Amino acid sequence: TCPISLLTRLSRWLGRSLCKGTSDFFGSPTNLLATLSQRGYRVVEYQAYFLCRHTNALCKGKKSFSQRYPFQTVAGIGLGYLGALVPNGKPFRRVKGLTIQSVSFMGAPGLFEEFVGDISRETARGTVFFVHVLLPHEPYVFDGSCRWHRPPFDDALLAQVEAYERQVQCVDTLLGRFVERLKQEGVYQSAVVVVTGDHGPRPLAKWQVERPDAINGMVARVPLLIKAPGLRPGVSTVDYQHIDFKPTLLDVLGLPPEPGLPGVSALAAARPLRPKMFWWQGKRYVASEPTGRGPWMLLGAEGGGG
């Protein structure tokens, strides 16, 4: 895949790959949304940051957002690229704070509200809503009611912590409205709801980087919440990894697994023995491969994506 560069930002803007490998996942016939579409579901995709690129899904995301708000989109891409040119390090944090792509985040709560408004008793059954928003990801620009404000400078750690907590409250607000909508439409009991992410909270002070092979314990705690009919409330302690997501969702939906599919459902009785990408050691997680990119960007053994 391409490094984060102007080329990849143009790829997202145009909706097609300008460098080898960036769209392989989205075009794959075994992609999760493609699989669900093949199994008879109507798939609707909401993208508040990346472009919709699933040809089999109805797009309610960045393409339409870019058309409605071209200034915000262009500014978000331009400021983000300008910020990437500023060197890392504490002396440059305030400079980067002036060029951060916070403008491109402005539409995230609105897109989520659009998703909530699309849920109805008549259309919910047989529909998969895939919603991707980078919240509570930085920049921290929303308060608890999801009103936008200027992000704090990176080197103002206390202000960063407070802004992060407010943005987490914004996410709670959005999820609360979503659950209330399900109940209002009378589909809460029958709905399958999954909330997940790609990693847990990262250190807010980025210049305070530990040794390259160390990873903060909270980063490794990836959020995964599943609510489904017949699933008893509780906290699971099984060895769950990202590769298990697809078989877990197929299992929850009562769909047969794909032959040869890697990973195993988190609800399966038998658990595999497999290597860890990182492990607990001396009050910290340690990556199996040195990264050189900080404690939250983990590279695979073949030098692949983080």
Protein backbone atom coordinates (compact mmCIF):
# COMPACT_ATOMS: atom_id res chain seq x y z
CA THR A 1 0.00 0.00 0.00
CA CYS A 2 1.05 3.61 -0.43
CA PRO A 3 2.46 5.67 2.44
CA ILE A 4 0.34 8.51 3.80
CA SER A 5 0.98 11.09 1.13
CA LEU A 6 -0.72 13.44 -1.30
CA LEU A 7 -1.22 10.43 -3.60
CA THR A 8 -3.33 8.54 -1.06
CA ARG A 9 -5.30 11.68 -0.20
CA LEU A 10 -6.06 12.16 -3.90
CA SER A 11 -7.08 8.50 -4.03
CA ARG A 12 -9.64 9.09 -1.28
CA TRP A 13 -10.86 12.27 -3.00
CA LEU A 14 -11.34 10.59 -6.40
CA GLY A 15 -12.76 7.39 -4.98
CA ARG A 16 -10.32 5.13 -6.81
CA SER A 17 -6.81 3.89 -6.20
CA LEU A 18 -3.86 5.84 -7.59
CA CYS A 19 -1.31 3.42 -6.22
CA LYS A 20 -1.13 -0.35 -6.15
CA GLY A 21 -2.89 -2.16 -3.34
CA THR A 22 -5.02 0.55 -1.75
CA SER A 23 -8.33 -0.80 -3.04
CA ASP A 24 -7.65 -4.54 -2.94
CA PHE A 25 -9.58 -4.99 0.29
CA PHE A 26 -12.61 -3.03 -0.89
CA GLY A 27 -12.82 -4.88 -4.21
CA SER A 28 -12.36 -8.33 -2.71
CA PRO A 29 -15.31 -10.74 -3.15
CA THR A 30 -14.64 -11.98 0.40
CA ASN A 31 -14.95 -8.50 1.91
CA LEU A 32 -17.42 -8.52 4.80
CA LEU A 33 -19.95 -6.16 3.19
CA ALA A 34 -19.71 -8.09 -0.08
CA THR A 35 -20.30 -11.34 1.80
CA LEU A 36 -23.38 -9.97 3.57
CA SER A 37 -24.72 -8.65 0.28
CA GLN A 38 -24.22 -12.07 -1.31
CA ARG A 39 -26.11 -13.64 1.62
CA GLY A 40 -29.17 -11.54 0.79
CA TYR A 41 -28.78 -8.46 2.98
CA ARG A 42 -29.35 -4.90 1.78
CA VAL A 43 -26.16 -3.03 2.71
CA VAL A 44 -26.01 0.71 3.39
CA GLU A 45 -22.60 2.31 4.04
CA TYR A 46 -22.03 5.58 5.89
CA GLN A 47 -18.49 6.95 5.66
CA ALA A 48 -17.62 10.16 7.51
CA TYR A 49 -13.92 10.14 6.65
CA PHE A 50 -12.95 7.61 3.97
CA LEU A 51 -14.72 7.23 0.65
CA CYS A 52 -17.43 4.65 0.02
CA ARG A 53 -15.79 2.07 -2.22
CA HIS A 54 -18.05 -0.96 -1.83
CA THR A 55 -19.79 -1.23 -5.19
CA ASN A 56 -22.42 -3.56 -3.73
CA ALA A 57 -23.50 -1.10 -0.99
CA LEU A 58 -25.69 1.99 -1.07
CA CYS A 59 -23.37 4.90 -0.19
CA LYS A 60 -24.52 7.57 2.25
CA GLY A 61 -21.01 8.70 3.07
CA LYS A 62 -18.06 10.78 2.00
CA LYS A 63 -18.94 11.01 -1.68
CA SER A 64 -22.18 12.80 -0.93
CA PHE A 65 -20.50 14.70 1.92
CA SER A 66 -17.80 15.94 -0.47
CA GLN A 67 -20.44 17.09 -2.93
CA ARG A 68 -22.45 18.93 -0.27
CA TYR A 69 -19.46 20.43 1.57
CA PRO A 70 -16.58 20.78 -0.93
CA PHE A 71 -14.82 23.50 1.10
CA GLN A 72 -14.68 21.37 4.25
CA THR A 73 -13.43 18.37 2.28
CA VAL A 74 -10.73 20.27 0.35
CA ALA A 75 -9.65 22.10 3.50
CA GLY A 76 -9.49 18.87 5.47
CA ILE A 77 -7.29 17.19 2.85
CA GLY A 78 -5.09 20.24 2.30
CA LEU A 79 -4.54 21.05 5.97
CA GLY A 80 -3.91 17.41 6.75
CA TYR A 81 -1.25 17.18 4.05
CA LEU A 82 0.30 20.47 5.16
CA GLY A 83 0.45 19.15 8.72
CA ALA A 84 2.23 16.03 7.47
CA LEU A 85 5.05 18.23 6.15
CA VAL A 86 5.76 19.70 9.59
CA PRO A 87 8.48 17.69 11.44
CA ASN A 88 7.50 15.71 14.51
CA GLY A 89 8.69 16.74 17.93
CA LYS A 90 7.47 18.88 20.77
CA PRO A 91 8.76 22.25 19.37
CA PHE A 92 6.54 21.80 16.29
CA ARG A 93 3.34 20.71 18.05
CA ARG A 94 1.76 24.14 18.03
CA VAL A 95 2.56 24.53 14.34
CA LYS A 96 0.89 21.21 13.60
CA GLY A 97 -2.05 22.29 15.73
CA LEU A 98 -2.67 25.15 13.31
CA THR A 99 -2.73 22.83 10.28
CA ILE A 100 -4.60 19.84 11.68
CA GLN A 101 -7.45 18.48 9.56
CA SER A 102 -10.13 19.16 12.16
CA VAL A 103 -12.34 20.80 9.54
CA SER A 104 -12.91 17.45 7.83
CA PHE A 105 -14.39 16.08 11.06
CA MET A 106 -17.21 18.61 11.20
CA GLY A 107 -19.69 16.41 9.35
CA ALA A 108 -19.22 13.24 11.45
CA PRO A 109 -22.07 13.80 13.96
CA GLY A 110 -24.36 14.95 11.17
CA LEU A 111 -23.71 11.81 9.15
CA PHE A 112 -24.41 9.67 12.22
CA GLU A 113 -27.69 11.54 12.76
CA GLU A 114 -28.56 10.84 9.11
CA PHE A 115 -27.94 7.14 9.74
CA VAL A 116 -30.16 7.18 12.84
CA GLY A 117 -32.91 8.93 10.87
CA ASP A 118 -32.80 6.25 8.18
CA ILE A 119 -33.74 3.46 10.63
CA SER A 120 -37.40 2.53 10.37
CA ARG A 121 -39.58 -0.41 11.32
CA GLU A 122 -40.40 -1.03 7.65
CA THR A 123 -36.83 -1.11 6.27
CA ALA A 124 -34.69 -2.31 9.20
CA ARG A 125 -35.27 -6.05 8.78
CA GLY A 126 -32.80 -7.51 6.30
CA THR A 127 -30.67 -4.35 6.20
CA VAL A 128 -27.06 -3.99 7.30
CA PHE A 129 -26.04 -0.46 8.28
CA PHE A 130 -22.25 -0.04 8.20
CA VAL A 131 -21.28 3.25 9.87
CA HIS A 132 -17.67 4.47 10.05
CA VAL A 133 -16.81 7.63 12.00
CA LEU A 134 -13.39 8.50 13.42
CA LEU A 135 -14.81 9.42 16.81
CA PRO A 136 -13.50 9.74 19.48
CA HIS A 137 -10.30 9.85 17.38
CA GLU A 138 -8.22 13.03 17.39
CA PRO A 139 -8.57 15.91 16.69
CA TYR A 140 -10.78 16.47 19.73
CA VAL A 141 -13.20 19.06 18.36
CA PHE A 142 -16.63 18.10 19.79
CA ASP A 143 -18.13 18.69 23.21
CA GLY A 144 -20.50 16.31 25.00
CA SER A 145 -23.42 17.52 22.86
CA CYS A 146 -21.36 17.10 19.66
CA ARG A 147 -20.94 20.83 19.04
CA TRP A 148 -17.71 21.64 17.15
CA HIS A 149 -14.97 23.75 18.75
CA ARG A 150 -11.35 24.56 17.98
CA PRO A 151 -8.99 21.70 18.93
CA PRO A 152 -6.51 22.30 21.76
CA PHE A 153 -2.80 22.40 21.00
CA ASP A 154 -1.03 19.06 21.34
CA ASP A 155 1.45 20.33 23.92
CA ALA A 156 -1.39 21.48 26.25
CA LEU A 157 -1.80 18.04 27.81
CA LEU A 158 -4.49 18.94 30.36
CA ALA A 159 -6.58 20.63 27.67
CA GLN A 160 -6.08 17.56 25.45
CA VAL A 161 -7.34 15.22 28.18
CA GLU A 162 -10.40 17.37 28.84
CA ALA A 163 -11.17 17.68 25.12
CA TYR A 164 -10.78 13.92 24.66
CA GLU A 165 -13.23 13.22 27.50
CA ARG A 166 -15.76 15.63 25.98
CA GLN A 167 -15.44 13.90 22.61
CA VAL A 168 -16.00 10.50 24.23
CA GLN A 169 -19.18 11.97 25.74
CA CYS A 170 -20.18 13.02 22.21
CA VAL A 171 -19.86 9.39 21.09
CA ASP A 172 -21.98 8.29 24.06
CA THR A 173 -24.58 10.88 23.04
CA LEU A 174 -24.71 9.57 19.46
CA LEU A 175 -24.96 5.93 20.56
CA GLY A 176 -27.72 6.88 23.00
CA ARG A 177 -29.75 8.47 20.21
CA PHE A 178 -29.19 5.37 18.07
CA VAL A 179 -30.45 3.00 20.78
CA GLU A 180 -33.43 5.24 21.48
CA ARG A 181 -34.31 5.21 17.76
CA LEU A 182 -34.23 1.42 17.70
CA LYS A 183 -36.64 1.34 20.63
CA GLN A 184 -38.92 3.96 19.11
CA GLU A 185 -39.19 1.91 15.91
CA GLY A 186 -39.82 -1.28 17.87
CA VAL A 187 -36.78 -3.12 16.48
CA TYR A 188 -34.42 -2.99 19.47
CA GLN A 189 -35.13 -6.53 20.69
CA SER A 190 -34.54 -8.09 17.26
CA ALA A 191 -31.59 -5.90 16.21
CA VAL A 192 -27.97 -7.01 16.10
CA VAL A 193 -25.71 -4.14 17.19
CA VAL A 194 -21.91 -4.23 17.00
CA VAL A 195 -19.64 -1.39 18.13
CA THR A 196 -15.92 -1.84 17.57
CA GLY A 197 -12.73 -0.02 16.59
CA ASP A 198 -9.22 -0.65 15.31
CA HIS A 199 -7.45 0.05 18.61
CA GLY A 200 -7.95 1.35 22.12
CA PRO A 201 -6.94 4.79 23.45
CA ARG A 202 -3.47 5.96 22.44
CA PRO A 203 -1.21 8.16 24.58
CA LEU A 204 -2.33 11.76 24.24
CA ALA A 205 1.20 13.17 24.57
CA LYS A 206 2.70 11.84 21.34
CA TRP A 207 6.18 13.11 22.06
CA GLN A 208 6.30 10.84 25.13
CA VAL A 209 7.04 7.72 23.07
CA GLU A 210 8.31 4.61 24.81
CA ARG A 211 10.81 2.19 23.30
CA PRO A 212 9.78 1.18 19.76
CA ASP A 213 8.75 -2.37 20.67
CA ALA A 214 6.46 -1.33 23.55
CA ILE A 215 2.74 -0.70 23.25
CA ASN A 216 0.49 0.96 25.79
CA GLY A 217 -1.85 -1.51 27.48
CA MET A 218 -4.96 0.53 26.66
CA VAL A 219 -4.10 0.54 22.95
CA ALA A 220 -4.34 -3.24 22.95
CA ARG A 221 -7.81 -3.21 24.53
CA VAL A 222 -9.84 -2.90 21.34
CA PRO A 223 -13.49 -2.07 22.07
CA LEU A 224 -15.98 -4.73 20.98
CA LEU A 225 -19.61 -4.56 22.08
CA ILE A 226 -22.15 -7.03 20.69
CA LYS A 227 -25.88 -6.99 21.40
CA ALA A 228 -27.95 -9.70 19.70
CA PRO A 229 -31.11 -11.73 20.33
CA GLY A 230 -30.31 -14.73 22.50
CA LEU A 231 -26.90 -13.41 23.54
CA ARG A 232 -26.68 -13.26 27.32
CA PRO A 233 -25.20 -10.12 28.92
CA GLY A 234 -21.66 -10.51 30.20
CA VAL A 235 -17.97 -9.84 29.66
CA SER A 236 -15.99 -12.31 27.56
CA THR A 237 -12.38 -13.13 28.40
CA VAL A 238 -11.59 -15.30 25.37
CA ASP A 239 -8.55 -14.71 23.15
CA TYR A 240 -10.16 -12.42 20.57
CA GLN A 241 -8.20 -10.84 17.71
CA HIS A 242 -9.27 -8.72 14.75
CA ILE A 243 -9.11 -11.69 12.42
CA ASP A 244 -12.01 -13.16 14.43
CA PHE A 245 -14.42 -10.35 13.62
CA LYS A 246 -15.92 -11.73 10.41
CA PRO A 247 -16.54 -15.28 11.71
CA THR A 248 -17.95 -13.76 14.93
CA LEU A 249 -20.44 -11.60 13.05
CA LEU A 250 -21.48 -14.47 10.77
CA ASP A 251 -22.00 -16.59 13.88
CA VAL A 252 -24.12 -13.91 15.59
CA LEU A 253 -26.26 -13.53 12.46
CA GLY A 254 -26.79 -17.29 12.29
CA LEU A 255 -24.98 -17.57 8.95
CA PRO A 256 -22.75 -20.54 8.06
CA PRO A 257 -18.99 -19.83 8.16
CA GLU A 258 -16.98 -19.56 4.98
CA PRO A 259 -14.79 -22.58 4.14
CA GLY A 260 -11.16 -21.88 4.98
CA LEU A 261 -11.96 -18.56 6.64
CA PRO A 262 -9.14 -17.53 9.00
CA GLY A 263 -10.07 -16.65 12.53
CA VAL A 264 -12.72 -18.17 14.76
CA SER A 265 -15.93 -16.86 16.26
CA ALA A 266 -15.55 -15.30 19.71
CA LEU A 267 -18.57 -17.40 20.70
CA ALA A 268 -17.04 -20.71 19.59
CA ALA A 269 -16.41 -23.30 22.31
CA ALA A 270 -13.01 -24.40 20.94
CA ARG A 271 -10.27 -21.77 20.94
CA PRO A 272 -7.13 -22.03 18.76
CA LEU A 273 -3.57 -21.72 20.02
CA ARG A 274 -1.88 -19.02 17.95
CA PRO A 275 0.98 -16.54 18.21
CA LYS A 276 0.43 -13.15 19.79
CA MET A 277 1.26 -9.92 18.02
CA PHE A 278 2.07 -8.49 21.45
CA TRP A 279 2.12 -9.75 25.01
CA TRP A 280 2.13 -8.47 28.58
CA GLN A 281 5.55 -7.92 30.10
CA GLY A 282 6.56 -5.75 33.03
CA LYS A 283 3.38 -3.61 33.13
CA ARG A 284 3.36 -3.03 29.39
CA TYR A 285 2.51 -4.82 26.16
CA VAL A 286 5.51 -5.66 23.98
CA ALA A 287 5.21 -6.10 20.22
CA SER A 288 6.55 -9.27 18.62
CA GLU A 289 8.20 -7.16 15.92
CA PRO A 290 10.11 -3.88 16.56
CA THR A 291 8.20 -1.09 14.81
CA GLY A 292 10.24 2.10 15.01
CA ARG A 293 6.95 3.98 14.58
CA GLY A 294 5.89 4.49 18.17
CA PRO A 295 4.01 2.20 20.53
CA TRP A 296 0.68 2.21 18.65
CA MET A 297 1.72 1.51 15.03
CA LEU A 298 2.41 -2.21 14.85
CA LEU A 299 3.99 -3.63 11.71
CA GLY A 300 3.60 -7.26 10.72
CA ALA A 301 6.47 -9.65 10.14
CA GLU A 302 6.33 -8.99 6.39
CA GLY A 303 6.43 -5.22 6.85
CA GLY A 304 2.75 -4.87 6.02
CA GLY A 305 0.19 -2.37 7.25
CA GLY A 306 -0.10 -1.34 10.86
